[in-house]
């Protein structure tokens, strides 16, 4: 069930929400939006064999807060705050799995550059539209998700790395489409990358089987 059945159910429910559930009524839309996240949370928990370690608990709590953010995003600042808390738990989990290497440390440069680039565009767009009150929370969120992505890279785990980068991509599409300019097929793109990101992050709870280690180094 964990290996094939549950992932297929997550895929099916995600596709059902993305492509078939209408926008109204809102309660029904939110229900179907959250079902894949409940299943992903279960998928992650099953990877702990029912006895989560500290880093696994941190990531599971992060998944839960991101699920709350997903349901509350209709109220933007409230949902954004829940996501921010979720990313802090993700980062805390990844910090416990930190495996230093100079190559991975170099990832801070492109992640920081990208965060600065998209942040500057969002500041311009929010200022232009008279929504200056959103600048600080949006920039704080960008800083936190960028830090989360960097800590994921430093774990050396493929699923954690690709999951965090997909999350960054999903939120970039969402914020650009919401504040800067329209993106074609933004809705499906946001949710596909989002569900994929959460699924990979939950899958990273399996342990260190998917570590990326530089040649000639050993795990600490």
N, C-alpha and C. Protein backbone atom coordinates (compact mmCIF):
# COMPACT_ATOMS: atom_id res chain seq x y z
N UNK A 1 0.83 -1.21 0.00
CA UNK A 1 0.00 0.00 0.00
C UNK A 1 0.87 1.26 0.00
N UNK A 2 1.90 1.29 0.90
CA UNK A 2 2.75 2.48 0.99
C UNK A 2 3.55 2.68 -0.27
N UNK A 3 4.00 1.57 -0.89
CA UNK A 3 4.91 1.69 -2.02
C UNK A 3 4.20 2.13 -3.29
N UNK A 4 3.01 1.59 -3.54
CA UNK A 4 2.32 1.89 -4.80
C UNK A 4 0.91 2.44 -4.60
N UNK A 5 0.14 1.80 -3.71
CA UNK A 5 -1.26 2.17 -3.57
C UNK A 5 -1.47 3.60 -3.12
N UNK A 6 -0.78 4.00 -2.05
CA UNK A 6 -0.96 5.35 -1.52
C UNK A 6 -0.44 6.42 -2.48
N UNK A 7 0.74 6.26 -3.08
CA UNK A 7 1.17 7.25 -4.08
C UNK A 7 0.19 7.39 -5.25
N UNK A 8 -0.37 6.27 -5.71
CA UNK A 8 -1.34 6.34 -6.81
C UNK A 8 -2.61 7.06 -6.36
N UNK A 9 -3.03 6.83 -5.12
CA UNK A 9 -4.21 7.52 -4.60
C UNK A 9 -3.94 9.02 -4.48
N UNK A 10 -2.74 9.38 -4.03
CA UNK A 10 -2.37 10.80 -3.96
C UNK A 10 -2.40 11.42 -5.35
N UNK A 11 -1.84 10.71 -6.33
CA UNK A 11 -1.84 11.20 -7.71
C UNK A 11 -3.26 11.38 -8.23
N UNK A 12 -4.13 10.40 -7.97
CA UNK A 12 -5.50 10.45 -8.46
C UNK A 12 -6.27 11.60 -7.82
N UNK A 13 -6.14 11.76 -6.50
CA UNK A 13 -6.88 12.82 -5.81
C UNK A 13 -6.33 14.20 -6.18
N UNK A 14 -5.01 14.28 -6.39
CA UNK A 14 -4.44 15.54 -6.84
C UNK A 14 -4.94 15.93 -8.21
N UNK A 15 -4.98 14.97 -9.14
CA UNK A 15 -5.48 15.23 -10.49
C UNK A 15 -6.96 15.58 -10.46
N UNK A 16 -7.72 14.91 -9.60
CA UNK A 16 -9.15 15.21 -9.47
C UNK A 16 -9.35 16.66 -9.05
N UNK A 17 -8.59 17.09 -8.05
CA UNK A 17 -8.73 18.47 -7.59
C UNK A 17 -8.29 19.47 -8.67
N UNK A 18 -7.14 19.23 -9.26
CA UNK A 18 -6.56 20.20 -10.20
C UNK A 18 -7.41 20.36 -11.45
N UNK A 19 -7.92 19.26 -11.97
CA UNK A 19 -8.54 19.31 -13.30
C UNK A 19 -10.07 19.20 -13.30
N UNK A 20 -10.67 18.80 -12.20
CA UNK A 20 -12.11 18.53 -12.26
C UNK A 20 -12.95 19.24 -11.21
N UNK A 21 -12.39 19.64 -10.08
CA UNK A 21 -13.19 20.26 -9.03
C UNK A 21 -13.41 21.74 -9.36
N UNK A 22 -14.67 22.20 -9.42
CA UNK A 22 -14.94 23.60 -9.75
C UNK A 22 -14.58 24.54 -8.60
N UNK A 23 -14.52 25.82 -8.90
CA UNK A 23 -14.14 26.83 -7.90
C UNK A 23 -15.22 27.03 -6.84
N UNK A 24 -16.46 26.79 -7.20
CA UNK A 24 -17.58 26.95 -6.27
C UNK A 24 -18.34 25.64 -6.14
N UNK A 25 -18.85 25.35 -4.94
CA UNK A 25 -18.73 26.13 -3.70
C UNK A 25 -17.33 26.02 -3.09
N UNK A 26 -16.92 27.07 -2.37
CA UNK A 26 -15.57 27.14 -1.83
C UNK A 26 -15.27 26.01 -0.86
N UNK A 27 -16.26 25.65 -0.03
CA UNK A 27 -16.03 24.60 0.97
C UNK A 27 -15.67 23.27 0.31
N UNK A 28 -16.36 22.95 -0.78
CA UNK A 28 -16.08 21.70 -1.50
C UNK A 28 -14.69 21.77 -2.13
N UNK A 29 -14.37 22.91 -2.71
CA UNK A 29 -13.06 23.09 -3.33
C UNK A 29 -11.94 22.91 -2.30
N UNK A 30 -12.10 23.52 -1.13
CA UNK A 30 -11.08 23.40 -0.08
C UNK A 30 -10.95 21.97 0.42
N UNK A 31 -12.09 21.28 0.54
CA UNK A 31 -12.06 19.88 0.99
C UNK A 31 -11.21 19.03 0.05
N UNK A 32 -11.49 19.14 -1.25
CA UNK A 32 -10.75 18.33 -2.21
C UNK A 32 -9.30 18.80 -2.37
N UNK A 33 -9.06 20.08 -2.10
CA UNK A 33 -7.69 20.59 -2.15
C UNK A 33 -6.83 19.98 -1.04
N UNK A 34 -7.44 19.73 0.12
CA UNK A 34 -6.70 19.24 1.27
C UNK A 34 -6.57 17.73 1.33
N UNK A 35 -7.44 17.01 0.62
CA UNK A 35 -7.38 15.55 0.66
C UNK A 35 -5.99 15.02 0.25
N UNK A 36 -5.40 15.49 -0.87
CA UNK A 36 -4.06 15.00 -1.21
C UNK A 36 -3.03 15.29 -0.12
N UNK A 37 -3.17 16.41 0.58
CA UNK A 37 -2.21 16.73 1.64
C UNK A 37 -2.38 15.82 2.85
N UNK A 38 -3.62 15.46 3.20
CA UNK A 38 -3.82 14.49 4.27
C UNK A 38 -3.16 13.16 3.90
N UNK A 39 -3.32 12.77 2.65
CA UNK A 39 -2.73 11.51 2.19
C UNK A 39 -1.20 11.59 2.18
N UNK A 40 -0.66 12.73 1.79
CA UNK A 40 0.80 12.91 1.80
C UNK A 40 1.32 12.88 3.23
N UNK A 41 0.57 13.48 4.15
CA UNK A 41 0.95 13.44 5.56
C UNK A 41 0.98 12.00 6.07
N UNK A 42 -0.03 11.22 5.69
CA UNK A 42 -0.06 9.80 6.05
C UNK A 42 1.11 9.06 5.42
N UNK A 43 1.39 9.36 4.15
CA UNK A 43 2.51 8.74 3.44
C UNK A 43 3.83 9.00 4.17
N UNK A 44 4.02 10.24 4.59
CA UNK A 44 5.23 10.57 5.33
C UNK A 44 5.30 9.85 6.66
N UNK A 45 4.18 9.81 7.38
CA UNK A 45 4.17 9.14 8.68
C UNK A 45 4.48 7.66 8.55
N UNK A 46 3.97 7.02 7.52
CA UNK A 46 4.22 5.60 7.32
C UNK A 46 5.71 5.32 7.10
N UNK A 47 6.43 6.30 6.57
CA UNK A 47 7.87 6.13 6.37
C UNK A 47 8.64 6.13 7.69
N UNK A 48 7.99 6.55 8.77
CA UNK A 48 8.66 6.57 10.07
C UNK A 48 8.47 5.27 10.82
N UNK A 49 7.73 4.32 10.26
CA UNK A 49 7.42 3.04 10.92
C UNK A 49 6.69 3.24 12.24
N UNK A 50 5.96 4.37 12.34
CA UNK A 50 5.18 4.63 13.54
C UNK A 50 5.97 5.14 14.72
N UNK A 51 7.27 5.34 14.55
CA UNK A 51 8.12 5.84 15.64
C UNK A 51 9.00 6.98 15.11
N UNK A 52 8.41 8.14 14.88
CA UNK A 52 9.18 9.24 14.29
C UNK A 52 10.32 9.70 15.18
N UNK A 53 11.46 9.93 14.56
CA UNK A 53 12.59 10.55 15.27
C UNK A 53 12.36 12.06 15.34
N UNK A 54 13.27 12.77 15.98
CA UNK A 54 13.10 14.22 16.15
C UNK A 54 13.01 14.93 14.80
N UNK A 55 13.92 14.62 13.89
CA UNK A 55 13.90 15.30 12.60
C UNK A 55 12.66 14.92 11.80
N UNK A 56 12.18 13.69 11.98
CA UNK A 56 10.96 13.28 11.28
C UNK A 56 9.73 13.99 11.83
N UNK A 57 9.67 14.15 13.16
CA UNK A 57 8.57 14.91 13.74
C UNK A 57 8.56 16.34 13.23
N UNK A 58 9.73 16.95 13.16
CA UNK A 58 9.81 18.33 12.67
C UNK A 58 9.26 18.44 11.26
N UNK A 59 9.60 17.49 10.39
CA UNK A 59 9.12 17.57 9.02
C UNK A 59 7.62 17.28 8.95
N UNK A 60 7.13 16.34 9.75
CA UNK A 60 5.70 16.05 9.77
C UNK A 60 4.90 17.27 10.25
N UNK A 61 5.42 17.97 11.25
CA UNK A 61 4.75 19.19 11.72
C UNK A 61 4.77 20.24 10.62
N UNK A 62 5.89 20.33 9.89
CA UNK A 62 5.96 21.24 8.76
C UNK A 62 4.91 20.93 7.71
N UNK A 63 4.74 19.65 7.40
CA UNK A 63 3.70 19.24 6.45
C UNK A 63 2.33 19.67 6.93
N UNK A 64 2.07 19.50 8.23
CA UNK A 64 0.77 19.87 8.79
C UNK A 64 0.52 21.37 8.66
N UNK A 65 1.52 22.19 9.00
CA UNK A 65 1.33 23.64 8.91
C UNK A 65 1.17 24.09 7.46
N UNK A 66 1.88 23.44 6.54
CA UNK A 66 1.70 23.79 5.13
C UNK A 66 0.31 23.39 4.64
N UNK A 67 -0.21 22.29 5.17
CA UNK A 67 -1.57 21.91 4.83
C UNK A 67 -2.56 22.96 5.34
N UNK A 68 -2.33 23.46 6.57
CA UNK A 68 -3.16 24.55 7.08
C UNK A 68 -3.06 25.77 6.17
N UNK A 69 -1.84 26.11 5.77
CA UNK A 69 -1.64 27.25 4.89
C UNK A 69 -2.39 27.09 3.59
N UNK A 70 -2.39 25.87 3.07
CA UNK A 70 -3.10 25.57 1.84
C UNK A 70 -4.59 25.86 1.99
N UNK A 71 -5.16 25.45 3.12
CA UNK A 71 -6.58 25.68 3.34
C UNK A 71 -6.92 27.12 3.64
N UNK A 72 -5.96 27.86 4.19
CA UNK A 72 -6.21 29.24 4.62
C UNK A 72 -5.71 30.28 3.63
N UNK A 73 -5.17 29.85 2.49
CA UNK A 73 -4.57 30.79 1.54
C UNK A 73 -5.59 31.74 0.94
N UNK A 74 -6.88 31.37 1.02
CA UNK A 74 -7.94 32.29 0.59
C UNK A 74 -7.85 33.59 1.39
N UNK A 75 -7.39 33.48 2.65
CA UNK A 75 -7.10 34.64 3.49
C UNK A 75 -5.58 34.77 3.48
N UNK A 76 -5.06 35.55 2.56
CA UNK A 76 -3.68 35.45 2.11
C UNK A 76 -2.65 35.52 3.23
N UNK A 77 -2.72 36.55 4.06
CA UNK A 77 -1.69 36.73 5.09
C UNK A 77 -1.74 35.60 6.12
N UNK A 78 -2.95 35.13 6.46
CA UNK A 78 -3.09 34.03 7.40
C UNK A 78 -2.48 32.75 6.82
N UNK A 79 -2.83 32.47 5.56
CA UNK A 79 -2.27 31.29 4.91
C UNK A 79 -0.76 31.39 4.74
N UNK A 80 -0.29 32.58 4.39
CA UNK A 80 1.15 32.80 4.22
C UNK A 80 1.89 32.55 5.54
N UNK A 81 1.28 32.99 6.64
CA UNK A 81 1.90 32.79 7.95
C UNK A 81 2.01 31.31 8.30
N UNK A 82 0.96 30.54 7.98
CA UNK A 82 1.00 29.10 8.25
C UNK A 82 2.08 28.43 7.41
N UNK A 83 2.19 28.82 6.15
CA UNK A 83 3.25 28.27 5.29
C UNK A 83 4.63 28.64 5.83
N UNK A 84 4.77 29.88 6.29
CA UNK A 84 6.06 30.31 6.83
C UNK A 84 6.47 29.45 8.03
N UNK A 85 5.52 29.19 8.92
CA UNK A 85 5.80 28.32 10.07
C UNK A 85 6.18 26.92 9.59
N UNK A 86 5.46 26.43 8.59
CA UNK A 86 5.78 25.12 8.03
C UNK A 86 7.20 25.05 7.50
N UNK A 87 7.63 26.10 6.81
CA UNK A 87 8.99 26.12 6.26
C UNK A 87 10.04 26.18 7.36
N UNK A 88 9.73 26.85 8.46
CA UNK A 88 10.66 26.88 9.58
C UNK A 88 10.84 25.48 10.17
N UNK A 89 9.76 24.71 10.24
CA UNK A 89 9.88 23.33 10.71
C UNK A 89 10.65 22.47 9.71
N UNK A 90 10.40 22.69 8.41
CA UNK A 90 11.18 21.97 7.39
C UNK A 90 12.67 22.25 7.57
N UNK A 91 12.99 23.54 7.69
CA UNK A 91 14.40 23.93 7.81
C UNK A 91 15.02 23.32 9.07
N UNK A 92 14.26 23.31 10.17
CA UNK A 92 14.78 22.72 11.41
C UNK A 92 15.05 21.23 11.22
N UNK A 93 14.15 20.55 10.50
CA UNK A 93 14.36 19.13 10.21
C UNK A 93 15.61 18.92 9.37
N UNK A 94 15.78 19.75 8.34
CA UNK A 94 16.93 19.59 7.45
C UNK A 94 18.24 19.92 8.17
N UNK A 95 18.19 20.86 9.10
CA UNK A 95 19.41 21.20 9.85
C UNK A 95 19.91 20.01 10.66
N UNK A 96 19.00 19.17 11.14
CA UNK A 96 19.44 17.99 11.90
C UNK A 96 20.07 16.95 10.98
N UNK A 97 19.85 17.08 9.65
CA UNK A 97 20.43 16.14 8.69
C UNK A 97 21.59 16.77 7.90
N UNK A 98 22.03 17.93 8.34
CA UNK A 98 23.06 18.70 7.64
C UNK A 98 24.31 17.85 7.42
N UNK A 99 24.78 17.80 6.17
CA UNK A 99 26.02 17.11 5.82
C UNK A 99 26.88 18.08 5.02
N UNK A 100 27.90 18.62 5.66
CA UNK A 100 28.65 19.70 5.03
C UNK A 100 29.45 19.20 3.83
N UNK A 101 29.43 20.01 2.76
CA UNK A 101 30.38 19.87 1.66
C UNK A 101 30.48 21.24 1.00
N UNK A 102 31.65 21.57 0.51
CA UNK A 102 31.86 22.87 -0.12
C UNK A 102 30.99 23.03 -1.36
N UNK A 103 30.81 21.93 -2.11
CA UNK A 103 30.00 21.99 -3.33
C UNK A 103 28.55 22.35 -3.00
N UNK A 104 28.01 21.72 -1.96
CA UNK A 104 26.63 22.03 -1.59
C UNK A 104 26.52 23.42 -0.98
N UNK A 105 27.55 23.82 -0.22
CA UNK A 105 27.54 25.15 0.37
C UNK A 105 27.47 26.23 -0.70
N UNK A 106 28.06 25.96 -1.86
CA UNK A 106 28.03 26.93 -2.96
C UNK A 106 26.62 27.19 -3.47
N UNK A 107 25.67 26.31 -3.13
CA UNK A 107 24.29 26.49 -3.58
C UNK A 107 23.65 27.73 -2.98
N UNK A 108 24.24 28.26 -1.91
CA UNK A 108 23.65 29.45 -1.30
C UNK A 108 23.64 30.62 -2.27
N UNK A 109 24.64 30.70 -3.16
CA UNK A 109 24.74 31.83 -4.08
C UNK A 109 23.58 31.89 -5.07
N UNK A 110 23.30 30.81 -5.86
CA UNK A 110 22.18 30.90 -6.78
C UNK A 110 20.82 31.02 -6.09
N UNK A 111 20.67 30.37 -4.94
CA UNK A 111 19.39 30.47 -4.23
C UNK A 111 19.18 31.90 -3.74
N UNK A 112 20.22 32.51 -3.17
CA UNK A 112 20.12 33.89 -2.70
C UNK A 112 19.90 34.85 -3.85
N UNK A 113 20.59 34.62 -4.97
CA UNK A 113 20.43 35.49 -6.14
C UNK A 113 19.00 35.41 -6.67
N UNK A 114 18.46 34.20 -6.73
CA UNK A 114 17.09 34.04 -7.22
C UNK A 114 16.10 34.72 -6.27
N UNK A 115 16.30 34.54 -4.95
CA UNK A 115 15.41 35.17 -3.98
C UNK A 115 15.45 36.69 -4.11
N UNK A 116 16.64 37.25 -4.31
CA UNK A 116 16.77 38.70 -4.47
C UNK A 116 16.09 39.16 -5.75
N UNK A 117 16.24 38.37 -6.82
CA UNK A 117 15.64 38.75 -8.11
C UNK A 117 14.12 38.77 -8.03
N UNK A 118 13.53 37.69 -7.54
CA UNK A 118 12.06 37.65 -7.50
C UNK A 118 11.54 38.62 -6.44
N UNK A 119 12.29 38.79 -5.35
CA UNK A 119 11.87 39.74 -4.33
C UNK A 119 11.80 41.16 -4.86
N UNK A 120 12.78 41.56 -5.67
CA UNK A 120 12.78 42.92 -6.23
C UNK A 120 11.60 43.14 -7.15
N UNK A 121 11.26 42.12 -7.95
CA UNK A 121 10.10 42.24 -8.84
C UNK A 121 8.80 42.33 -8.04
N UNK A 122 8.70 41.57 -6.97
CA UNK A 122 7.49 41.61 -6.15
C UNK A 122 7.36 42.95 -5.43
N UNK A 123 8.48 43.51 -4.96
CA UNK A 123 8.43 44.83 -4.32
C UNK A 123 7.92 45.87 -5.31
N UNK A 124 8.45 45.85 -6.53
CA UNK A 124 8.02 46.81 -7.55
C UNK A 124 6.53 46.67 -7.83
N UNK A 125 6.06 45.41 -7.97
CA UNK A 125 4.66 45.17 -8.30
C UNK A 125 3.74 45.59 -7.15
N UNK A 126 4.11 45.26 -5.93
CA UNK A 126 3.28 45.62 -4.78
C UNK A 126 3.25 47.13 -4.57
N UNK A 127 4.38 47.79 -4.77
CA UNK A 127 4.44 49.25 -4.64
C UNK A 127 3.58 49.91 -5.71
N UNK A 128 3.67 49.41 -6.92
CA UNK A 128 2.91 49.97 -8.04
C UNK A 128 1.40 49.85 -7.81
N UNK A 129 0.98 48.74 -7.17
CA UNK A 129 -0.45 48.50 -6.96
C UNK A 129 -0.96 49.04 -5.64
N UNK A 130 -0.11 49.75 -4.91
CA UNK A 130 -0.55 50.33 -3.65
C UNK A 130 -0.75 49.31 -2.54
N UNK A 131 -0.03 48.20 -2.60
CA UNK A 131 -0.17 47.16 -1.57
C UNK A 131 1.13 47.03 -0.77
N UNK A 132 1.62 48.19 -0.34
CA UNK A 132 2.89 48.21 0.40
C UNK A 132 2.83 47.40 1.69
N UNK A 133 1.63 47.26 2.26
CA UNK A 133 1.49 46.53 3.53
C UNK A 133 1.90 45.06 3.38
N UNK A 134 1.88 44.55 2.15
CA UNK A 134 2.24 43.15 1.92
C UNK A 134 3.74 42.94 1.69
N UNK A 135 4.48 44.03 1.51
CA UNK A 135 5.90 43.89 1.15
C UNK A 135 6.69 43.14 2.22
N UNK A 136 6.54 43.54 3.47
CA UNK A 136 7.32 42.91 4.55
C UNK A 136 6.97 41.43 4.71
N UNK A 137 5.66 41.06 4.82
CA UNK A 137 5.38 39.62 4.95
C UNK A 137 5.81 38.79 3.75
N UNK A 138 5.69 39.35 2.54
CA UNK A 138 6.10 38.61 1.35
C UNK A 138 7.61 38.42 1.32
N UNK A 139 8.37 39.48 1.64
CA UNK A 139 9.83 39.37 1.65
C UNK A 139 10.31 38.43 2.75
N UNK A 140 9.65 38.47 3.91
CA UNK A 140 10.01 37.55 4.99
C UNK A 140 9.79 36.11 4.55
N UNK A 141 8.68 35.88 3.85
CA UNK A 141 8.38 34.53 3.37
C UNK A 141 9.43 34.07 2.35
N UNK A 142 9.81 34.96 1.45
CA UNK A 142 10.83 34.61 0.45
C UNK A 142 12.14 34.23 1.14
N UNK A 143 12.52 35.01 2.15
CA UNK A 143 13.77 34.71 2.87
C UNK A 143 13.70 33.35 3.56
N UNK A 144 12.54 33.03 4.14
CA UNK A 144 12.41 31.77 4.87
C UNK A 144 12.40 30.58 3.91
N UNK A 145 11.66 30.68 2.81
CA UNK A 145 11.61 29.54 1.89
C UNK A 145 12.97 29.36 1.20
N UNK A 146 13.69 30.45 0.94
CA UNK A 146 15.03 30.33 0.37
C UNK A 146 15.97 29.64 1.36
N UNK A 147 15.86 30.00 2.63
CA UNK A 147 16.67 29.34 3.66
C UNK A 147 16.31 27.87 3.78
N UNK A 148 15.02 27.57 3.68
CA UNK A 148 14.58 26.17 3.72
C UNK A 148 15.18 25.38 2.57
N UNK A 149 15.16 25.97 1.37
CA UNK A 149 15.73 25.29 0.20
C UNK A 149 17.22 25.04 0.39
N UNK A 150 17.93 26.03 0.94
CA UNK A 150 19.37 25.87 1.16
C UNK A 150 19.66 24.76 2.17
N UNK A 151 18.90 24.73 3.27
CA UNK A 151 19.13 23.66 4.26
C UNK A 151 18.80 22.30 3.67
N UNK A 152 17.81 22.24 2.77
CA UNK A 152 17.50 20.97 2.11
C UNK A 152 18.67 20.52 1.24
N UNK A 153 19.26 21.45 0.50
CA UNK A 153 20.42 21.12 -0.33
C UNK A 153 21.55 20.57 0.54
N UNK A 154 21.73 21.14 1.72
CA UNK A 154 22.84 20.72 2.59
C UNK A 154 22.63 19.34 3.20
N UNK A 155 21.42 18.78 3.11
CA UNK A 155 21.23 17.40 3.57
C UNK A 155 21.85 16.40 2.60
N UNK A 156 21.97 16.79 1.33
CA UNK A 156 22.46 15.86 0.31
C UNK A 156 21.44 14.83 -0.10
N UNK A 157 20.18 14.95 0.35
CA UNK A 157 19.15 13.97 0.02
C UNK A 157 18.36 14.43 -1.20
N UNK A 158 18.30 13.58 -2.21
CA UNK A 158 17.65 13.96 -3.47
C UNK A 158 16.21 14.43 -3.26
N UNK A 159 15.44 13.65 -2.51
CA UNK A 159 14.02 13.99 -2.36
C UNK A 159 13.84 15.30 -1.62
N UNK A 160 14.65 15.53 -0.61
CA UNK A 160 14.57 16.80 0.12
C UNK A 160 14.96 17.97 -0.79
N UNK A 161 16.00 17.78 -1.57
CA UNK A 161 16.48 18.84 -2.46
C UNK A 161 15.45 19.17 -3.53
N UNK A 162 15.01 18.15 -4.28
CA UNK A 162 14.07 18.41 -5.37
C UNK A 162 12.72 18.86 -4.84
N UNK A 163 12.31 18.34 -3.68
CA UNK A 163 11.06 18.78 -3.08
C UNK A 163 11.10 20.26 -2.72
N UNK A 164 12.20 20.69 -2.11
CA UNK A 164 12.31 22.10 -1.71
C UNK A 164 12.37 23.02 -2.93
N UNK A 165 13.07 22.59 -3.97
CA UNK A 165 13.17 23.43 -5.18
C UNK A 165 11.84 23.50 -5.91
N UNK A 166 11.09 22.40 -5.92
CA UNK A 166 9.75 22.44 -6.51
C UNK A 166 8.83 23.35 -5.71
N UNK A 167 8.97 23.33 -4.39
CA UNK A 167 8.17 24.23 -3.54
C UNK A 167 8.50 25.67 -3.87
N UNK A 168 9.78 25.97 -4.04
CA UNK A 168 10.20 27.31 -4.42
C UNK A 168 9.62 27.70 -5.77
N UNK A 169 9.61 26.76 -6.71
CA UNK A 169 9.04 27.02 -8.03
C UNK A 169 7.54 27.27 -7.94
N UNK A 170 6.83 26.45 -7.16
CA UNK A 170 5.39 26.60 -7.01
C UNK A 170 5.03 27.97 -6.44
N UNK A 171 5.72 28.36 -5.37
CA UNK A 171 5.42 29.65 -4.75
C UNK A 171 5.84 30.82 -5.64
N UNK A 172 6.86 30.61 -6.45
CA UNK A 172 7.27 31.66 -7.40
C UNK A 172 6.18 31.89 -8.44
N UNK A 173 5.64 30.80 -8.97
CA UNK A 173 4.56 30.92 -9.96
C UNK A 173 3.35 31.60 -9.33
N UNK A 174 3.01 31.18 -8.11
CA UNK A 174 1.84 31.74 -7.42
C UNK A 174 2.01 33.24 -7.20
N UNK A 175 3.16 33.64 -6.65
CA UNK A 175 3.36 35.06 -6.33
C UNK A 175 3.48 35.91 -7.58
N UNK A 176 4.16 35.39 -8.60
CA UNK A 176 4.28 36.15 -9.85
C UNK A 176 2.92 36.34 -10.50
N UNK A 177 2.13 35.27 -10.54
CA UNK A 177 0.80 35.34 -11.14
C UNK A 177 -0.12 36.25 -10.33
N UNK A 178 0.05 36.26 -9.02
CA UNK A 178 -0.83 37.05 -8.15
C UNK A 178 -0.47 38.54 -8.17
N UNK A 179 0.82 38.85 -8.23
CA UNK A 179 1.24 40.23 -8.03
C UNK A 179 1.90 40.90 -9.23
N UNK A 180 2.55 40.14 -10.11
CA UNK A 180 3.33 40.76 -11.19
C UNK A 180 2.58 40.72 -12.51
N UNK A 181 2.36 39.54 -13.07
CA UNK A 181 1.62 39.42 -14.32
C UNK A 181 1.06 38.01 -14.44
N UNK A 182 0.05 37.87 -15.29
CA UNK A 182 -0.60 36.58 -15.46
C UNK A 182 0.34 35.57 -16.11
N UNK A 183 0.26 34.32 -15.64
CA UNK A 183 1.01 33.21 -16.21
C UNK A 183 0.02 32.21 -16.77
N UNK A 184 0.23 31.79 -18.01
CA UNK A 184 -0.67 30.81 -18.62
C UNK A 184 -0.67 29.51 -17.82
N UNK A 185 -1.86 28.98 -17.59
CA UNK A 185 -2.03 27.71 -16.85
C UNK A 185 -1.41 27.77 -15.46
N UNK A 186 -1.48 28.95 -14.85
CA UNK A 186 -0.86 29.12 -13.53
C UNK A 186 -1.46 28.16 -12.50
N UNK A 187 -2.79 28.02 -12.50
CA UNK A 187 -3.44 27.17 -11.51
C UNK A 187 -2.91 25.74 -11.50
N UNK A 188 -2.97 25.04 -12.64
CA UNK A 188 -2.41 23.68 -12.66
C UNK A 188 -0.91 23.63 -12.36
N UNK A 189 -0.15 24.59 -12.87
CA UNK A 189 1.30 24.59 -12.62
C UNK A 189 1.61 24.74 -11.13
N UNK A 190 0.88 25.63 -10.47
CA UNK A 190 1.10 25.85 -9.04
C UNK A 190 0.83 24.57 -8.25
N UNK A 191 -0.32 23.94 -8.53
CA UNK A 191 -0.72 22.79 -7.72
C UNK A 191 0.08 21.54 -8.06
N UNK A 192 0.44 21.35 -9.33
CA UNK A 192 1.24 20.18 -9.70
C UNK A 192 2.61 20.24 -9.02
N UNK A 193 3.26 21.40 -9.10
CA UNK A 193 4.57 21.53 -8.46
C UNK A 193 4.44 21.47 -6.94
N UNK A 194 3.34 22.00 -6.40
CA UNK A 194 3.14 21.99 -4.95
C UNK A 194 2.94 20.58 -4.41
N UNK A 195 2.02 19.83 -5.02
CA UNK A 195 1.79 18.46 -4.55
C UNK A 195 3.04 17.60 -4.74
N UNK A 196 3.73 17.78 -5.87
CA UNK A 196 4.97 17.03 -6.10
C UNK A 196 6.02 17.36 -5.04
N UNK A 197 6.12 18.65 -4.70
CA UNK A 197 7.08 19.08 -3.68
C UNK A 197 6.78 18.42 -2.34
N UNK A 198 5.53 18.47 -1.92
CA UNK A 198 5.16 17.91 -0.63
C UNK A 198 5.34 16.39 -0.61
N UNK A 199 5.03 15.75 -1.72
CA UNK A 199 5.20 14.29 -1.81
C UNK A 199 6.68 13.92 -1.65
N UNK A 200 7.56 14.66 -2.32
CA UNK A 200 8.99 14.38 -2.22
C UNK A 200 9.53 14.67 -0.82
N UNK A 201 9.06 15.76 -0.22
CA UNK A 201 9.51 16.07 1.14
C UNK A 201 9.06 14.99 2.11
N UNK A 202 7.82 14.52 1.96
CA UNK A 202 7.34 13.43 2.80
C UNK A 202 8.15 12.16 2.55
N UNK A 203 8.50 11.91 1.29
CA UNK A 203 9.29 10.74 0.95
C UNK A 203 10.70 10.79 1.50
N UNK A 204 11.20 12.00 1.77
CA UNK A 204 12.55 12.12 2.32
C UNK A 204 12.63 11.61 3.75
N UNK A 205 11.48 11.35 4.37
CA UNK A 205 11.46 10.80 5.73
C UNK A 205 11.96 9.37 5.78
N UNK A 206 12.06 8.75 4.62
CA UNK A 206 12.51 7.36 4.58
C UNK A 206 13.90 7.21 5.15
N UNK A 207 14.70 8.23 5.06
CA UNK A 207 16.06 8.16 5.64
C UNK A 207 17.10 8.56 4.63
N UNK A 208 18.29 8.07 4.82
CA UNK A 208 19.44 8.51 4.02
C UNK A 208 19.71 7.67 2.80
N UNK A 209 18.72 6.91 2.31
CA UNK A 209 18.98 6.03 1.18
C UNK A 209 19.27 6.81 -0.10
N UNK A 210 18.82 8.06 -0.16
CA UNK A 210 18.95 8.82 -1.40
C UNK A 210 19.94 9.97 -1.27
N UNK A 211 20.90 9.83 -0.38
CA UNK A 211 21.87 10.90 -0.18
C UNK A 211 22.72 11.12 -1.42
N UNK A 212 23.02 12.40 -1.69
CA UNK A 212 23.97 12.78 -2.72
C UNK A 212 25.26 13.16 -2.00
N UNK A 213 26.30 12.38 -2.16
CA UNK A 213 27.55 12.67 -1.47
C UNK A 213 28.64 12.98 -2.48
N UNK A 214 29.43 14.01 -2.25
CA UNK A 214 30.54 14.29 -3.14
C UNK A 214 31.51 13.12 -3.14
N UNK A 215 32.10 12.86 -4.31
CA UNK A 215 33.05 11.76 -4.44
C UNK A 215 34.21 11.95 -3.48
N UNK A 216 34.58 10.84 -2.81
CA UNK A 216 35.74 10.89 -1.93
C UNK A 216 35.44 11.35 -0.53
N UNK A 217 34.15 11.61 -0.20
CA UNK A 217 33.81 12.01 1.15
C UNK A 217 32.96 10.94 1.79
N UNK A 218 32.91 10.94 3.08
CA UNK A 218 32.10 9.96 3.79
C UNK A 218 31.11 10.68 4.67
N UNK A 219 29.95 10.07 4.95
CA UNK A 219 28.95 10.72 5.79
C UNK A 219 29.48 10.87 7.20
N UNK A 220 29.00 11.94 7.86
CA UNK A 220 29.46 12.18 9.22
C UNK A 220 28.51 11.54 10.22
